[in-house]
Amino acid sequence: MSTIGSKWAILLIGLLQERPKRFSELKREIGDITEKSLTSVLRELEKDGIVDRIVTPTIPPRVDYRLTPLGHSLWKALEALSSWAIENHPAVSEARRRYTDSAGEQIR
């Protein structure tokens, strides 16, 4: 529960249910996640058996992430919540920006 309750896990599971994706593709689709956070959440999901990390031995190595069968079963349970998170991610990000901006103005 702690892994799927993290800030980004449900969004990542929702994105990966579509098809396997590379790290840079996930980063680009989410936008405001740091590389450190993305790496951390992907490692936790991999550790819990929800995500597989597939390394293709090319130069440079290609790394893709995909949901495992366990991850797909989790997706079925999280689908409505994930859809909400994906659809509302821009609105939540904007609300956070407005909150941060107004909190800064209140301190001044």
PDB file of N, CA and C in Angstrom:
ATOM      1  N   MET A   1       0.820  -1.207   0.000  1.00  0.00           N
ATOM      2  CA  MET A   1       0.000   0.000   0.000  1.00  0.00           C
ATOM      3  C   MET A   1       0.856   1.260   0.000  1.00  0.00           C
ATOM      4  N   SER A   2       2.005   1.215   0.666  1.00  0.00           N
ATOM      5  CA  SER A   2       2.824   2.423   0.691  1.00  0.00           C
ATOM      6  C   SER A   2       3.338   2.779  -0.699  1.00  0.00           C
ATOM      7  N   THR A   3       3.634   1.779  -1.520  1.00  0.00           N
ATOM      8  CA  THR A   3       4.132   2.060  -2.865  1.00  0.00           C
ATOM      9  C   THR A   3       3.044   2.673  -3.729  1.00  0.00           C
ATOM     10  N   ILE A   4       1.866   2.050  -3.782  1.00  0.00           N
ATOM     11  CA  ILE A   4       0.826   2.599  -4.648  1.00  0.00           C
ATOM     12  C   ILE A   4       0.210   3.865  -4.071  1.00  0.00           C
ATOM     13  N   GLY A   5       0.473   4.129  -2.803  1.00  0.00           N
ATOM     14  CA  GLY A   5      -0.002   5.360  -2.195  1.00  0.00           C
ATOM     15  C   GLY A   5       0.947   6.527  -2.388  1.00  0.00           C
ATOM     16  N   SER A   6       2.076   6.288  -3.043  1.00  0.00           N
ATOM     17  CA  SER A   6       3.032   7.375  -3.262  1.00  0.00           C
ATOM     18  C   SER A   6       2.462   8.392  -4.249  1.00  0.00           C
ATOM     19  N   LYS A   7       3.066   9.528  -4.271  1.00  0.00           N
ATOM     20  CA  LYS A   7       2.577  10.643  -5.078  1.00  0.00           C
ATOM     21  C   LYS A   7       2.422  10.306  -6.559  1.00  0.00           C
ATOM     22  N   TRP A   8       3.331   9.509  -7.115  1.00  0.00           N
ATOM     23  CA  TRP A   8       3.361   9.295  -8.558  1.00  0.00           C
ATOM     24  C   TRP A   8       2.987   7.886  -9.007  1.00  0.00           C
ATOM     25  N   ALA A   9       2.892   6.927  -8.115  1.00  0.00           N
ATOM     26  CA  ALA A   9       2.755   5.524  -8.505  1.00  0.00           C
ATOM     27  C   ALA A   9       1.510   5.246  -9.340  1.00  0.00           C
ATOM     28  N   ILE A  10       0.371   5.747  -8.933  1.00  0.00           N
ATOM     29  CA  ILE A  10      -0.864   5.461  -9.668  1.00  0.00           C
ATOM     30  C   ILE A  10      -0.798   6.057 -11.066  1.00  0.00           C
ATOM     31  N   LEU A  11      -0.257   7.251 -11.186  1.00  0.00           N
ATOM     32  CA  LEU A  11      -0.102   7.877 -12.495  1.00  0.00           C
ATOM     33  C   LEU A  11       0.819   7.034 -13.383  1.00  0.00           C
ATOM     34  N   LEU A  12       1.927   6.552 -12.834  1.00  0.00           N
ATOM     35  CA  LEU A  12       2.842   5.709 -13.602  1.00  0.00           C
ATOM     36  C   LEU A  12       2.195   4.393 -14.017  1.00  0.00           C
ATOM     37  N   ILE A  13       1.478   3.765 -13.112  1.00  0.00           N
ATOM     38  CA  ILE A  13       0.794   2.514 -13.439  1.00  0.00           C
ATOM     39  C   ILE A  13      -0.207   2.761 -14.569  1.00  0.00           C
ATOM     40  N   GLY A  14      -0.914   3.870 -14.502  1.00  0.00           N
ATOM     41  CA  GLY A  14      -1.864   4.208 -15.560  1.00  0.00           C
ATOM     42  C   GLY A  14      -1.186   4.422 -16.897  1.00  0.00           C
ATOM     43  N   LEU A  15      -0.051   5.080 -16.899  1.00  0.00           N
ATOM     44  CA  LEU A  15       0.676   5.299 -18.154  1.00  0.00           C
ATOM     45  C   LEU A  15       1.255   4.002 -18.705  1.00  0.00           C
ATOM     46  N   LEU A  16       1.734   3.144 -17.821  1.00  0.00           N
ATOM     47  CA  LEU A  16       2.347   1.888 -18.269  1.00  0.00           C
ATOM     48  C   LEU A  16       1.328   0.842 -18.686  1.00  0.00           C
ATOM     49  N   GLN A  17       0.079   0.987 -18.299  1.00  0.00           N
ATOM     50  CA  GLN A  17      -0.918   0.006 -18.715  1.00  0.00           C
ATOM     51  C   GLN A  17      -1.169   0.106 -20.213  1.00  0.00           C
ATOM     52  N   GLU A  18      -0.863   1.247 -20.814  1.00  0.00           N
ATOM     53  CA  GLU A  18      -1.061   1.427 -22.253  1.00  0.00           C
ATOM     54  C   GLU A  18      -0.099   0.545 -23.049  1.00  0.00           C
ATOM     55  N   ARG A  19       1.180   0.580 -22.660  1.00  0.00           N
ATOM     56  CA  ARG A  19       2.241  -0.173 -23.343  1.00  0.00           C
ATOM     57  C   ARG A  19       3.544   0.084 -22.604  1.00  0.00           C
ATOM     58  N   PRO A  20       4.593  -0.728 -22.858  1.00  0.00           N
ATOM     59  CA  PRO A  20       5.897  -0.442 -22.252  1.00  0.00           C
ATOM     60  C   PRO A  20       6.405   0.928 -22.705  1.00  0.00           C
ATOM     61  N   LYS A  21       7.122   1.589 -21.812  1.00  0.00           N
ATOM     62  CA  LYS A  21       7.642   2.925 -22.128  1.00  0.00           C
ATOM     63  C   LYS A  21       9.046   3.085 -21.581  1.00  0.00           C
ATOM     64  N   ARG A  22       9.788   3.967 -22.216  1.00  0.00           N
ATOM     65  CA  ARG A  22      11.125   4.299 -21.759  1.00  0.00           C
ATOM     66  C   ARG A  22      11.043   5.361 -20.664  1.00  0.00           C
ATOM     67  N   PHE A  23      12.111   5.455 -19.886  1.00  0.00           N
ATOM     68  CA  PHE A  23      12.196   6.421 -18.793  1.00  0.00           C
ATOM     69  C   PHE A  23      11.899   7.834 -19.305  1.00  0.00           C
ATOM     70  N   SER A  24      12.577   8.225 -20.404  1.00  0.00           N
ATOM     71  CA  SER A  24      12.421   9.589 -20.925  1.00  0.00           C
ATOM     72  C   SER A  24      10.986   9.856 -21.380  1.00  0.00           C
ATOM     73  N   GLU A  25      10.322   8.840 -21.901  1.00  0.00           N
ATOM     74  CA  GLU A  25       8.931   8.996 -22.320  1.00  0.00           C
ATOM     75  C   GLU A  25       8.026   9.219 -21.107  1.00  0.00           C
ATOM     76  N   LEU A  26       8.250   8.451 -20.046  1.00  0.00           N
ATOM     77  CA  LEU A  26       7.477   8.634 -18.816  1.00  0.00           C
ATOM     78  C   LEU A  26       7.718  10.026 -18.239  1.00  0.00           C
ATOM     79  N   LYS A  27       8.971  10.440 -18.204  1.00  0.00           N
ATOM     80  CA  LYS A  27       9.325  11.762 -17.675  1.00  0.00           C
ATOM     81  C   LYS A  27       8.618  12.855 -18.467  1.00  0.00           C
ATOM     82  N   ARG A  28       8.634  12.739 -19.787  1.00  0.00           N
ATOM     83  CA  ARG A  28       8.010  13.734 -20.661  1.00  0.00           C
ATOM     84  C   ARG A  28       6.487  13.758 -20.472  1.00  0.00           C
ATOM     85  N   GLU A  29       5.876  12.584 -20.353  1.00  0.00           N
ATOM     86  CA  GLU A  29       4.420  12.534 -20.213  1.00  0.00           C
ATOM     87  C   GLU A  29       3.941  13.088 -18.875  1.00  0.00           C
ATOM     88  N   ILE A  30       4.716  12.878 -17.827  1.00  0.00           N
ATOM     89  CA  ILE A  30       4.329  13.396 -16.512  1.00  0.00           C
ATOM     90  C   ILE A  30       4.691  14.869 -16.406  1.00  0.00           C
ATOM     91  N   GLY A  31       5.862  15.218 -16.869  1.00  0.00           N
ATOM     92  CA  GLY A  31       6.259  16.630 -16.898  1.00  0.00           C
ATOM     93  C   GLY A  31       6.912  17.130 -15.636  1.00  0.00           C
ATOM     94  N   ASP A  32       6.171  17.246 -14.555  1.00  0.00           N
ATOM     95  CA  ASP A  32       6.719  17.907 -13.371  1.00  0.00           C
ATOM     96  C   ASP A  32       7.252  16.951 -12.305  1.00  0.00           C
ATOM     97  N   ILE A  33       7.647  15.757 -12.703  1.00  0.00           N
ATOM     98  CA  ILE A  33       8.302  14.828 -11.779  1.00  0.00           C
ATOM     99  C   ILE A  33       9.810  14.962 -11.970  1.00  0.00           C
ATOM    100  N   THR A  34      10.557  14.912 -10.890  1.00  0.00           N
ATOM    101  CA  THR A  34      12.011  14.955 -11.020  1.00  0.00           C
ATOM    102  C   THR A  34      12.520  13.582 -11.450  1.00  0.00           C
ATOM    103  N   GLU A  35      13.705  13.558 -12.052  1.00  0.00           N
ATOM    104  CA  GLU A  35      14.300  12.279 -12.443  1.00  0.00           C
ATOM    105  C   GLU A  35      14.529  11.394 -11.223  1.00  0.00           C
ATOM    106  N   LYS A  36      14.938  12.016 -10.118  1.00  0.00           N
ATOM    107  CA  LYS A  36      15.175  11.268  -8.887  1.00  0.00           C
ATOM    108  C   LYS A  36      13.886  10.611  -8.387  1.00  0.00           C
ATOM    109  N   SER A  37      12.790  11.353  -8.393  1.00  0.00           N
ATOM    110  CA  SER A  37      11.509  10.801  -7.943  1.00  0.00           C
ATOM    111  C   SER A  37      11.024   9.698  -8.871  1.00  0.00           C
ATOM    112  N   LEU A  38      11.153   9.920 -10.182  1.00  0.00           N
ATOM    113  CA  LEU A  38      10.723   8.914 -11.147  1.00  0.00           C
ATOM    114  C   LEU A  38      11.519   7.626 -10.960  1.00  0.00           C
ATOM    115  N   THR A  39      12.823   7.758 -10.811  1.00  0.00           N
ATOM    116  CA  THR A  39      13.682   6.590 -10.586  1.00  0.00           C
ATOM    117  C   THR A  39      13.271   5.864  -9.320  1.00  0.00           C
ATOM    118  N   SER A  40      13.039   6.602  -8.260  1.00  0.00           N
ATOM    119  CA  SER A  40      12.681   6.015  -6.974  1.00  0.00           C
ATOM    120  C   SER A  40      11.363   5.247  -7.048  1.00  0.00           C
ATOM    121  N   VAL A  41      10.342   5.845  -7.664  1.00  0.00           N
ATOM    122  CA  VAL A  41       9.037   5.186  -7.749  1.00  0.00           C
ATOM    123  C   VAL A  41       9.124   3.954  -8.645  1.00  0.00           C
ATOM    124  N   LEU A  42       9.834   4.054  -9.770  1.00  0.00           N
ATOM    125  CA  LEU A  42       9.982   2.893 -10.647  1.00  0.00           C
ATOM    126  C   LEU A  42      10.700   1.755  -9.928  1.00  0.00           C
ATOM    127  N   ARG A  43      11.717   2.069  -9.139  1.00  0.00           N
ATOM    128  CA  ARG A  43      12.432   1.029  -8.381  1.00  0.00           C
ATOM    129  C   ARG A  43      11.522   0.362  -7.357  1.00  0.00           C
ATOM    130  N   GLU A  44      10.713   1.158  -6.666  1.00  0.00           N
ATOM    131  CA  GLU A  44       9.786   0.595  -5.684  1.00  0.00           C
ATOM    132  C   GLU A  44       8.749  -0.298  -6.361  1.00  0.00           C
ATOM    133  N   LEU A  45       8.220   0.153  -7.494  1.00  0.00           N
ATOM    134  CA  LEU A  45       7.242  -0.657  -8.226  1.00  0.00           C
ATOM    135  C   LEU A  45       7.879  -1.946  -8.745  1.00  0.00           C
ATOM    136  N   GLU A  46       9.142  -1.863  -9.153  1.00  0.00           N
ATOM    137  CA  GLU A  46       9.863  -3.055  -9.596  1.00  0.00           C
ATOM    138  C   GLU A  46      10.091  -4.005  -8.417  1.00  0.00           C
ATOM    139  N   LYS A  47      10.505  -3.454  -7.297  1.00  0.00           N
ATOM    140  CA  LYS A  47      10.754  -4.255  -6.091  1.00  0.00           C
ATOM    141  C   LYS A  47       9.492  -4.996  -5.647  1.00  0.00           C
ATOM    142  N   ASP A  48       8.335  -4.350  -5.798  1.00  0.00           N
ATOM    143  CA  ASP A  48       7.066  -4.944  -5.386  1.00  0.00           C
ATOM    144  C   ASP A  48       6.470  -5.875  -6.445  1.00  0.00           C
ATOM    145  N   GLY A  49       7.164  -6.040  -7.576  1.00  0.00           N
ATOM    146  CA  GLY A  49       6.691  -6.941  -8.617  1.00  0.00           C
ATOM    147  C   GLY A  49       5.598  -6.381  -9.497  1.00  0.00           C
ATOM    148  N   ILE A  50       5.430  -5.066  -9.495  1.00  0.00           N
ATOM    149  CA  ILE A  50       4.379  -4.413 -10.271  1.00  0.00           C
ATOM    150  C   ILE A  50       4.890  -3.996 -11.650  1.00  0.00           C
ATOM    151  N   VAL A  51       6.175  -3.667 -11.728  1.00  0.00           N
ATOM    152  CA  VAL A  51       6.805  -3.204 -12.969  1.00  0.00           C
ATOM    153  C   VAL A  51       8.031  -4.054 -13.255  1.00  0.00           C
ATOM    154  N   ASP A  52       8.231  -4.351 -14.536  1.00  0.00           N
ATOM    155  CA  ASP A  52       9.467  -4.985 -14.994  1.00  0.00           C
ATOM    156  C   ASP A  52      10.330  -3.938 -15.674  1.00  0.00           C
ATOM    157  N   ARG A  53      11.621  -4.034 -15.438  1.00  0.00           N
ATOM    158  CA  ARG A  53      12.614  -3.182 -16.115  1.00  0.00           C
ATOM    159  C   ARG A  53      13.305  -4.068 -17.128  1.00  0.00           C
ATOM    160  N   ILE A  54      13.183  -3.723 -18.417  1.00  0.00           N
ATOM    161  CA  ILE A  54      13.755  -4.533 -19.480  1.00  0.00           C
ATOM    162  C   ILE A  54      14.909  -3.769 -20.116  1.00  0.00           C
ATOM    163  N   VAL A  55      16.110  -4.366 -20.043  1.00  0.00           N
ATOM    164  CA  VAL A  55      17.299  -3.746 -20.630  1.00  0.00           C
ATOM    165  C   VAL A  55      17.611  -4.459 -21.939  1.00  0.00           C
ATOM    166  N   THR A  56      17.680  -3.710 -23.027  1.00  0.00           N
ATOM    167  CA  THR A  56      18.056  -4.243 -24.329  1.00  0.00           C
ATOM    168  C   THR A  56      19.520  -3.880 -24.553  1.00  0.00           C
ATOM    169  N   PRO A  57      20.373  -4.888 -24.765  1.00  0.00           N
ATOM    170  CA  PRO A  57      21.820  -4.618 -24.881  1.00  0.00           C
ATOM    171  C   PRO A  57      22.203  -3.981 -26.218  1.00  0.00           C
ATOM    172  N   THR A  58      21.982  -2.690 -26.293  1.00  0.00           N
ATOM    173  CA  THR A  58      22.421  -1.905 -27.448  1.00  0.00           C
ATOM    174  C   THR A  58      23.389  -0.856 -26.934  1.00  0.00           C
ATOM    175  N   ILE A  59      23.923  -0.047 -27.822  1.00  0.00           N
ATOM    176  CA  ILE A  59      24.805   1.036 -27.389  1.00  0.00           C
ATOM    177  C   ILE A  59      24.145   2.346 -27.782  1.00  0.00           C
ATOM    178  N   PRO A  60      23.721   3.162 -26.838  1.00  0.00           N
ATOM    179  CA  PRO A  60      23.647   2.897 -25.397  1.00  0.00           C
ATOM    180  C   PRO A  60      22.523   1.898 -25.104  1.00  0.00           C
ATOM    181  N   PRO A  61      22.556   1.288 -23.915  1.00  0.00           N
ATOM    182  CA  PRO A  61      21.511   0.317 -23.572  1.00  0.00           C
ATOM    183  C   PRO A  61      20.129   0.967 -23.593  1.00  0.00           C
ATOM    184  N   ARG A  62      19.166   0.237 -24.075  1.00  0.00           N
ATOM    185  CA  ARG A  62      17.769   0.711 -24.069  1.00  0.00           C
ATOM    186  C   ARG A  62      17.081   0.093 -22.860  1.00  0.00           C
ATOM    187  N   VAL A  63      16.407   0.923 -22.094  1.00  0.00           N
ATOM    188  CA  VAL A  63      15.688   0.453 -20.906  1.00  0.00           C
ATOM    189  C   VAL A  63      14.215   0.819 -21.064  1.00  0.00           C
ATOM    190  N   ASP A  64      13.379  -0.201 -20.981  1.00  0.00           N
ATOM    191  CA  ASP A  64      11.931  -0.008 -21.031  1.00  0.00           C
ATOM    192  C   ASP A  64      11.323  -0.503 -19.725  1.00  0.00           C
ATOM    193  N   TYR A  65      10.170   0.058 -19.399  1.00  0.00           N
ATOM    194  CA  TYR A  65       9.418  -0.371 -18.215  1.00  0.00           C
ATOM    195  C   TYR A  65       8.051  -0.833 -18.686  1.00  0.00           C
ATOM    196  N   ARG A  66       7.563  -1.943 -18.086  1.00  0.00           N
ATOM    197  CA  ARG A  66       6.243  -2.453 -18.420  1.00  0.00           C
ATOM    198  C   ARG A  66       5.609  -3.037 -17.159  1.00  0.00           C
ATOM    199  N   LEU A  67       4.289  -3.091 -17.182  1.00  0.00           N
ATOM    200  CA  LEU A  67       3.584  -3.712 -16.068  1.00  0.00           C
ATOM    201  C   LEU A  67       3.743  -5.222 -16.129  1.00  0.00           C
ATOM    202  N   THR A  68       3.886  -5.824 -14.987  1.00  0.00           N
ATOM    203  CA  THR A  68       3.899  -7.281 -14.862  1.00  0.00           C
ATOM    204  C   THR A  68       2.439  -7.760 -14.818  1.00  0.00           C
ATOM    205  N   PRO A  69       2.215  -9.067 -14.842  1.00  0.00           N
ATOM    206  CA  PRO A  69       0.842  -9.547 -14.650  1.00  0.00           C
ATOM    207  C   PRO A  69       0.236  -9.036 -13.326  1.00  0.00           C
ATOM    208  N   LEU A  70       1.055  -8.986 -12.282  1.00  0.00           N
ATOM    209  CA  LEU A  70       0.586  -8.435 -11.008  1.00  0.00           C
ATOM    210  C   LEU A  70       0.209  -6.962 -11.170  1.00  0.00           C
ATOM    211  N   GLY A  71       1.017  -6.228 -11.905  1.00  0.00           N
ATOM    212  CA  GLY A  71       0.736  -4.817 -12.170  1.00  0.00           C
ATOM    213  C   GLY A  71      -0.556  -4.623 -12.945  1.00  0.00           C
ATOM    214  N   HIS A  72      -0.799  -5.495 -13.929  1.00  0.00           N
ATOM    215  CA  HIS A  72      -2.051  -5.401 -14.686  1.00  0.00           C
ATOM    216  C   HIS A  72      -3.255  -5.708 -13.804  1.00  0.00           C
ATOM    217  N   SER A  73      -3.108  -6.656 -12.885  1.00  0.00           N
ATOM    218  CA  SER A  73      -4.223  -6.940 -11.977  1.00  0.00           C
ATOM    219  C   SER A  73      -4.466  -5.760 -11.040  1.00  0.00           C
ATOM    220  N   LEU A  74      -3.396  -5.104 -10.611  1.00  0.00           N
ATOM    221  CA  LEU A  74      -3.528  -3.895  -9.789  1.00  0.00           C
ATOM    222  C   LEU A  74      -4.198  -2.791 -10.592  1.00  0.00           C
ATOM    223  N   TRP A  75      -3.826  -2.681 -11.866  1.00  0.00           N
ATOM    224  CA  TRP A  75      -4.422  -1.660 -12.727  1.00  0.00           C
ATOM    225  C   TRP A  75      -5.943  -1.785 -12.761  1.00  0.00           C
ATOM    226  N   LYS A  76      -6.436  -3.031 -12.827  1.00  0.00           N
ATOM    227  CA  LYS A  76      -7.886  -3.239 -12.862  1.00  0.00           C
ATOM    228  C   LYS A  76      -8.555  -2.628 -11.634  1.00  0.00           C
ATOM    229  N   ALA A  77      -7.901  -2.753 -10.491  1.00  0.00           N
ATOM    230  CA  ALA A  77      -8.456  -2.194  -9.253  1.00  0.00           C
ATOM    231  C   ALA A  77      -8.321  -0.675  -9.209  1.00  0.00           C
ATOM    232  N   LEU A  78      -7.296  -0.135  -9.851  1.00  0.00           N
ATOM    233  CA  LEU A  78      -7.009   1.300  -9.772  1.00  0.00           C
ATOM    234  C   LEU A  78      -7.498   2.108 -10.973  1.00  0.00           C
ATOM    235  N   GLU A  79      -8.101   1.458 -11.925  1.00  0.00           N
ATOM    236  CA  GLU A  79      -8.417   2.117 -13.197  1.00  0.00           C
ATOM    237  C   GLU A  79      -9.182   3.426 -13.040  1.00  0.00           C
ATOM    238  N   ALA A  80     -10.228   3.446 -12.260  1.00  0.00           N
ATOM    239  CA  ALA A  80     -11.013   4.683 -12.101  1.00  0.00           C
ATOM    240  C   ALA A  80     -10.177   5.775 -11.444  1.00  0.00           C
ATOM    241  N   LEU A  81      -9.443   5.415 -10.412  1.00  0.00           N
ATOM    242  CA  LEU A  81      -8.598   6.398  -9.730  1.00  0.00           C
ATOM    243  C   LEU A  81      -7.483   6.890 -10.644  1.00  0.00           C
ATOM    244  N   SER A  82      -6.879   5.988 -11.403  1.00  0.00           N
ATOM    245  CA  SER A  82      -5.823   6.358 -12.325  1.00  0.00           C
ATOM    246  C   SER A  82      -6.334   7.275 -13.421  1.00  0.00           C
ATOM    247  N   SER A  83      -7.491   6.954 -13.971  1.00  0.00           N
ATOM    248  CA  SER A  83      -8.079   7.808 -15.013  1.00  0.00           C
ATOM    249  C   SER A  83      -8.310   9.215 -14.469  1.00  0.00           C
ATOM    250  N   TRP A  84      -8.804   9.273 -13.258  1.00  0.00           N
ATOM    251  CA  TRP A  84      -9.008  10.581 -12.633  1.00  0.00           C
ATOM    252  C   TRP A  84      -7.683  11.323 -12.488  1.00  0.00           C
ATOM    253  N   ALA A  85      -6.649  10.628 -12.025  1.00  0.00           N
ATOM    254  CA  ALA A  85      -5.337  11.254 -11.822  1.00  0.00           C
ATOM    255  C   ALA A  85      -4.755  11.758 -13.133  1.00  0.00           C
ATOM    256  N   ILE A  86      -4.855  10.959 -14.186  1.00  0.00           N
ATOM    257  CA  ILE A  86      -4.314  11.371 -15.485  1.00  0.00           C
ATOM    258  C   ILE A  86      -5.093  12.565 -16.031  1.00  0.00           C
ATOM    259  N   GLU A  87      -6.412  12.487 -15.995  1.00  0.00           N
ATOM    260  CA  GLU A  87      -7.246  13.568 -16.525  1.00  0.00           C
ATOM    261  C   GLU A  87      -7.086  14.866 -15.745  1.00  0.00           C
ATOM    262  N   ASN A  88      -6.891  14.774 -14.448  1.00  0.00           N
ATOM    263  CA  ASN A  88      -6.856  15.965 -13.606  1.00  0.00           C
ATOM    264  C   ASN A  88      -5.460  16.420 -13.212  1.00  0.00           C
ATOM    265  N   HIS A  89      -4.441  15.732 -13.687  1.00  0.00           N
ATOM    266  CA  HIS A  89      -3.060  16.110 -13.350  1.00  0.00           C
ATOM    267  C   HIS A  89      -2.764  17.580 -13.680  1.00  0.00           C
ATOM    268  N   PRO A  90      -3.126  18.081 -14.883  1.00  0.00           N
ATOM    269  CA  PRO A  90      -2.869  19.497 -15.158  1.00  0.00           C
ATOM    270  C   PRO A  90      -3.598  20.434 -14.185  1.00  0.00           C
ATOM    271  N   ALA A  91      -4.834  20.121 -13.852  1.00  0.00           N
ATOM    272  CA  ALA A  91      -5.600  20.974 -12.931  1.00  0.00           C
ATOM    273  C   ALA A  91      -5.001  20.960 -11.530  1.00  0.00           C
ATOM    274  N   VAL A  92      -4.562  19.791 -11.068  1.00  0.00           N
ATOM    275  CA  VAL A  92      -3.940  19.685  -9.747  1.00  0.00           C
ATOM    276  C   VAL A  92      -2.617  20.457  -9.739  1.00  0.00           C
ATOM    277  N   SER A  93      -1.833  20.328 -10.800  1.00  0.00           N
ATOM    278  CA  SER A  93      -0.572  21.064 -10.888  1.00  0.00           C
ATOM    279  C   SER A  93      -0.815  22.568 -10.858  1.00  0.00           C
ATOM    280  N   GLU A  94      -1.837  23.022 -11.576  1.00  0.00           N
ATOM    281  CA  GLU A  94      -2.176  24.446 -11.594  1.00  0.00           C
ATOM    282  C   GLU A  94      -2.647  24.902 -10.213  1.00  0.00           C
ATOM    283  N   ALA A  95      -3.449  24.103  -9.538  1.00  0.00           N
ATOM    284  CA  ALA A  95      -3.906  24.454  -8.192  1.00  0.00           C
ATOM    285  C   ALA A  95      -2.730  24.569  -7.232  1.00  0.00           C
ATOM    286  N   ARG A  96      -1.770  23.655  -7.344  1.00  0.00           N
ATOM    287  CA  ARG A  96      -0.577  23.727  -6.494  1.00  0.00           C
ATOM    288  C   ARG A  96       0.228  24.982  -6.774  1.00  0.00           C
ATOM    289  N   ARG A  97       0.341  25.333  -8.066  1.00  0.00           N
ATOM    290  CA  ARG A  97       1.076  26.550  -8.423  1.00  0.00           C
ATOM    291  C   ARG A  97       0.385  27.779  -7.840  1.00  0.00           C
ATOM    292  N   ARG A  98      -0.952  27.849  -7.967  1.00  0.00           N
ATOM    293  CA  ARG A  98      -1.697  28.991  -7.413  1.00  0.00           C
ATOM    294  C   ARG A  98      -1.551  29.050  -5.897  1.00  0.00           C
ATOM    295  N   TYR A  99      -1.623  27.897  -5.245  1.00  0.00           N
ATOM    296  CA  TYR A  99      -1.483  27.847  -3.790  1.00  0.00           C
ATOM    297  C   TYR A  99      -0.111  28.351  -3.373  1.00  0.00           C
ATOM    298  N   THR A 100       0.917  27.859  -4.050  1.00  0.00           N
ATOM    299  CA  THR A 100       2.288  28.277  -3.731  1.00  0.00           C
ATOM    300  C   THR A 100       2.453  29.780  -3.954  1.00  0.00           C
ATOM    301  N   ASP A 101       1.907  30.275  -5.066  1.00  0.00           N
ATOM    302  CA  ASP A 101       1.993  31.709  -5.353  1.00  0.00           C
ATOM    303  C   ASP A 101       1.267  32.537  -4.298  1.00  0.00           C
ATOM    304  N   SER A 102       0.064  32.110  -3.904  1.00  0.00           N
ATOM    305  CA  SER A 102      -0.697  32.881  -2.914  1.00  0.00           C
ATOM    306  C   SER A 102      -0.075  32.762  -1.530  1.00  0.00           C
ATOM    307  N   ALA A 103       0.503  31.613  -1.208  1.00  0.00           N
ATOM    308  CA  ALA A 103       1.167  31.450   0.096  1.00  0.00           C
ATOM    309  C   ALA A 103       2.359  32.388   0.173  1.00  0.00           C
ATOM    310  N   GLY A 104       3.082  32.535  -0.932  1.00  0.00           N
ATOM    311  CA  GLY A 104       4.213  33.462  -0.975  1.00  0.00           C
ATOM    312  C   GLY A 104       3.775  34.895  -0.806  1.00  0.00           C
ATOM    313  N   GLU A 105       2.638  35.258  -1.388  1.00  0.00           N
ATOM    314  CA  GLU A 105       2.110  36.620  -1.255  1.00  0.00           C
ATOM    315  C   GLU A 105       1.654  36.884   0.165  1.00  0.00           C
ATOM    316  N   GLN A 106       1.092  35.878   0.850  1.00  0.00           N
ATOM    317  CA  GLN A 106       0.631  36.064   2.228  1.00  0.00           C
ATOM    318  C   GLN A 106       1.796  36.287   3.180  1.00  0.00           C
ATOM    319  N   ILE A 107       2.936  35.685   2.879  1.00  0.00           N
ATOM    320  CA  ILE A 107       4.107  35.833   3.752  1.00  0.00           C
ATOM    321  C   ILE A 107       4.708  37.223   3.612  1.00  0.00           C
ATOM    322  N   ARG A 108       4.618  37.782   2.436  1.00  0.00           N
ATOM    323  CA  ARG A 108       5.228  39.108   2.177  1.00  0.00           C
ATOM    324  C   ARG A 108       4.615  40.158   2.974  1.00  0.00           C
TER     325      ARG A 108
END
